[in-house]
Amino acid sequence: MDSEAARTARDSLELAFQMSNILDTGLDRHTLSVLIALCDLGLNPEALAAVVKELRREPSPSSTIPADAKPAHS
């Protein structure tokens, strides 16, 4: 990728990130970059949005560990 194309890609990602913040999506730059790359590869944006929404509904693995659980040591 030449420097002009790289600059255009960075500028486009920055613009998308600013829009994402205005819309309060909660997406970080890396996640947004991955989603854009997947769209560029032909994945359906609406399907990706549905996956992101579903993943946000699921509790994170760290939140399902009981507070009194002790880490396993060998």
Protein backbone atom coordinates (compact mmCIF):
# COMPACT_ATOMS: atom_id res chain seq x y z
CA MET A 1 0.00 0.00 0.00
CA ASP A 2 1.50 3.36 -0.96
CA SER A 3 1.64 6.26 1.46
CA GLU A 4 -1.29 8.09 -0.15
CA ALA A 5 -3.54 5.03 0.09
CA ALA A 6 -2.45 4.46 3.70
CA ARG A 7 -3.23 8.09 4.57
CA THR A 8 -6.64 7.83 2.91
CA ALA A 9 -7.38 4.62 4.84
CA ARG A 10 -6.37 6.26 8.15
CA ASP A 11 -8.45 9.34 7.38
CA SER A 12 -11.46 7.19 6.48
CA LEU A 13 -11.13 5.17 9.68
CA GLU A 14 -10.81 8.36 11.73
CA LEU A 15 -13.97 9.77 10.11
CA ALA A 16 -15.86 6.51 10.74
CA PHE A 17 -14.61 6.52 14.36
CA GLN A 18 -15.80 10.11 14.89
CA MET A 19 -19.21 9.21 13.47
CA SER A 20 -19.27 6.12 15.68
CA ASN A 21 -18.62 8.30 18.73
CA ILE A 22 -21.31 10.80 17.75
CA LEU A 23 -23.76 7.90 17.43
CA ASP A 24 -22.51 6.52 20.78
CA THR A 25 -21.88 3.03 19.41
CA GLY A 26 -19.21 2.18 21.97
CA LEU A 27 -16.96 0.72 19.26
CA ASP A 28 -13.23 1.30 19.61
CA ARG A 29 -10.99 2.03 16.61
CA HIS A 30 -9.74 -1.54 16.37
CA THR A 31 -13.21 -3.09 16.40
CA LEU A 32 -14.45 -0.54 13.90
CA SER A 33 -11.45 -1.27 11.67
CA VAL A 34 -12.18 -5.00 11.78
CA LEU A 35 -15.85 -4.44 10.96
CA ILE A 36 -14.95 -2.19 8.02
CA ALA A 37 -12.47 -4.77 6.74
CA LEU A 38 -15.12 -7.49 6.95
CA CYS A 39 -17.53 -5.30 4.99
CA ASP A 40 -14.80 -4.69 2.40
CA LEU A 41 -14.52 -8.47 2.06
CA GLY A 42 -18.21 -8.64 1.23
CA LEU A 43 -19.84 -9.54 4.54
CA ASN A 44 -23.31 -8.12 5.05
CA PRO A 45 -23.13 -4.99 7.28
CA GLU A 46 -26.56 -5.69 8.76
CA ALA A 47 -25.50 -9.21 9.71
CA LEU A 48 -22.32 -7.85 11.32
CA ALA A 49 -24.39 -5.30 13.26
CA ALA A 50 -26.66 -8.10 14.50
CA VAL A 51 -23.61 -10.09 15.67
CA VAL A 52 -22.19 -7.06 17.51
CA LYS A 53 -25.55 -6.49 19.22
CA GLU A 54 -25.81 -10.15 20.21
CA LEU A 55 -22.28 -10.22 21.60
CA ARG A 56 -23.05 -7.16 23.71
CA ARG A 57 -26.07 -8.92 25.22
CA GLU A 58 -24.02 -11.90 26.34
CA PRO A 59 -22.24 -11.54 29.67
CA SER A 60 -18.48 -11.41 29.41
CA PRO A 61 -16.65 -14.52 30.67
CA SER A 62 -15.06 -12.55 33.53
CA SER A 63 -18.48 -11.39 34.76
CA THR A 64 -19.71 -14.98 35.13
CA ILE A 65 -16.90 -16.06 37.48
CA PRO A 66 -18.06 -16.08 41.12
CA ALA A 67 -16.30 -13.49 43.27
CA ASP A 68 -15.12 -16.15 45.74
CA ALA A 69 -13.64 -18.41 43.04
CA LYS A 70 -9.93 -19.05 43.43
CA PRO A 71 -7.63 -19.26 40.39
CA ALA A 72 -6.30 -22.73 39.62
CA HIS A 73 -2.58 -23.22 40.28
CA SER A 74 -0.48 -26.18 39.24
